[in-house]
Protein backbone atom coordinates (compact mmCIF):
# COMPACT_ATOMS: atom_id res chain seq x y z
CA MET A 1 16.26 -50.84 -11.26
CA ILE A 2 12.81 -52.34 -10.74
CA ARG A 3 10.36 -50.48 -8.55
CA LYS A 4 8.26 -52.36 -6.10
CA GLN A 5 4.60 -52.17 -7.00
CA GLU A 6 2.70 -50.00 -4.58
CA LYS A 7 -0.82 -50.53 -3.37
CA ALA A 8 -3.41 -47.94 -4.26
CA ILE A 9 -4.00 -45.61 -1.33
CA LEU A 10 -7.71 -45.26 -1.75
CA THR A 11 -10.09 -46.29 -4.44
CA LEU A 12 -13.35 -44.43 -4.60
CA PRO A 13 -16.49 -46.10 -5.88
CA THR A 14 -17.66 -44.59 -9.12
CA MET A 15 -21.08 -42.96 -9.39
CA SER A 16 -23.50 -43.19 -12.18
CA SER A 17 -24.46 -39.91 -13.81
CA GLY A 18 -27.87 -40.04 -12.08
CA GLU A 19 -26.24 -40.53 -8.67
CA TYR A 20 -23.81 -37.71 -9.38
CA GLU A 21 -26.59 -35.30 -10.37
CA ALA A 22 -28.58 -36.26 -7.26
CA ALA A 23 -25.52 -35.68 -5.06
CA VAL A 24 -24.88 -32.27 -6.62
CA ALA A 25 -28.55 -31.29 -6.26
CA ALA A 26 -28.50 -32.37 -2.58
CA PHE A 27 -25.33 -30.35 -1.99
CA ILE A 28 -26.86 -27.25 -3.57
CA ARG A 29 -30.05 -27.67 -1.54
CA ASN A 30 -28.18 -28.15 1.73
CA ARG A 31 -25.59 -25.42 1.23
CA GLY A 32 -27.76 -22.86 -0.49
CA VAL A 33 -25.38 -22.52 -3.43
CA THR A 34 -27.13 -20.69 -6.22
CA ARG A 35 -24.37 -20.56 -8.80
CA CYS A 36 -20.95 -21.93 -9.60
CA PRO A 37 -18.18 -20.07 -7.72
CA THR A 38 -16.33 -19.55 -10.99
CA ALA A 39 -19.24 -17.40 -12.15
CA CYS A 40 -17.71 -14.61 -10.06
CA LEU A 41 -14.90 -14.37 -12.61
CA VAL A 42 -17.25 -13.13 -15.30
CA ARG A 43 -19.57 -10.13 -15.21
CA THR A 44 -23.05 -11.05 -14.14
CA GLN A 45 -26.18 -10.18 -16.03
CA ALA A 46 -27.80 -8.73 -12.93
CA SER A 47 -28.53 -5.03 -12.71
CA VAL A 48 -27.10 -3.05 -9.81
CA SER A 49 -29.43 -0.70 -7.97
CA ALA A 50 -28.86 3.04 -8.11
CA ALA A 51 -28.27 3.13 -4.34
CA ASP A 52 -25.53 0.49 -4.63
CA ARG A 53 -23.89 2.35 -7.51
CA ALA A 54 -23.99 5.60 -5.51
CA ALA A 55 -22.52 3.87 -2.45
CA LEU A 56 -19.72 2.43 -4.58
CA GLU A 57 -18.96 5.83 -6.08
CA GLN A 58 -18.82 7.38 -2.59
CA TYR A 59 -16.55 4.59 -1.39
CA GLU A 60 -14.23 5.08 -4.36
CA ALA A 61 -14.18 8.86 -3.80
CA ARG A 62 -13.25 8.37 -0.11
CA ARG A 63 -10.49 5.93 -1.07
CA GLU A 64 -9.12 8.34 -3.66
CA GLN A 65 -9.18 11.22 -1.15
CA ALA A 66 -7.38 9.06 1.43
CA ARG A 67 -4.80 8.09 -1.20
CA ARG A 68 -4.17 11.71 -2.14
CA THR A 69 -3.94 12.76 1.52
CA HIS A 70 -1.41 10.01 2.18
CA LEU A 71 0.59 10.98 -0.91
CA THR A 72 0.65 14.65 0.14
CA ALA A 73 1.74 13.75 3.67
CA THR A 74 4.48 11.50 2.32
CA LYS A 75 5.79 14.26 0.04
CA LEU A 76 5.69 16.77 2.91
CA LEU A 77 7.59 14.38 5.15
CA GLY A 78 10.23 13.95 2.46
CA VAL A 79 10.62 17.72 2.10
CA LEU A 80 10.89 18.16 5.86
CA LEU A 81 13.51 15.43 6.10
CA LEU A 82 15.55 17.02 3.32
CA GLN A 83 15.35 20.44 5.01
CA SER A 84 16.33 18.91 8.32
CA ASN A 85 19.30 17.17 6.71
CA GLU A 86 20.39 20.42 5.04
CA ASN A 87 20.07 22.27 8.37
CA CYS A 88 22.26 19.64 10.04
CA LEU A 89 24.91 20.02 7.35
CA VAL A 90 24.89 23.82 7.65
CA ALA A 91 25.12 23.58 11.44
CA ALA A 92 28.03 21.15 11.15
CA GLU A 93 29.83 23.48 8.72
CA ASN A 94 29.27 26.44 11.04
CA GLU A 95 30.57 24.46 14.00
CA ALA A 96 33.63 23.44 11.99
CA ASP A 97 34.27 27.10 11.07
CA ARG A 98 34.10 28.12 14.75
CA HIS A 99 36.47 25.33 15.82
CA PRO A 100 39.09 24.85 13.11
CA SER A 101 41.01 22.32 15.21
CA ILE A 102 38.20 19.72 14.83
CA PRO A 103 39.01 17.45 11.86
CA GLN A 104 36.33 17.16 9.22
């Protein structure tokens, strides 16, 4: 089967390397971009201030405390649910013992 030739949707004019560099420089000037976004994937060479490091440590400590609190509450809830379930079973057994005519 022969395919019908399709027209190109859009052809962009090519830029010379000088035009490209000028366009990139204009973009950086206008947008205030100071580095390539992919630079965020790699550690920077900048030094972090002591105040920022301390703030990060405090933030991490608060997050860890919140995580532990949540974990403890979840465990406690599980224990309470198990106890409640056991109490329901015991109550049902006691009720069945008091009324032997009720099928189990």
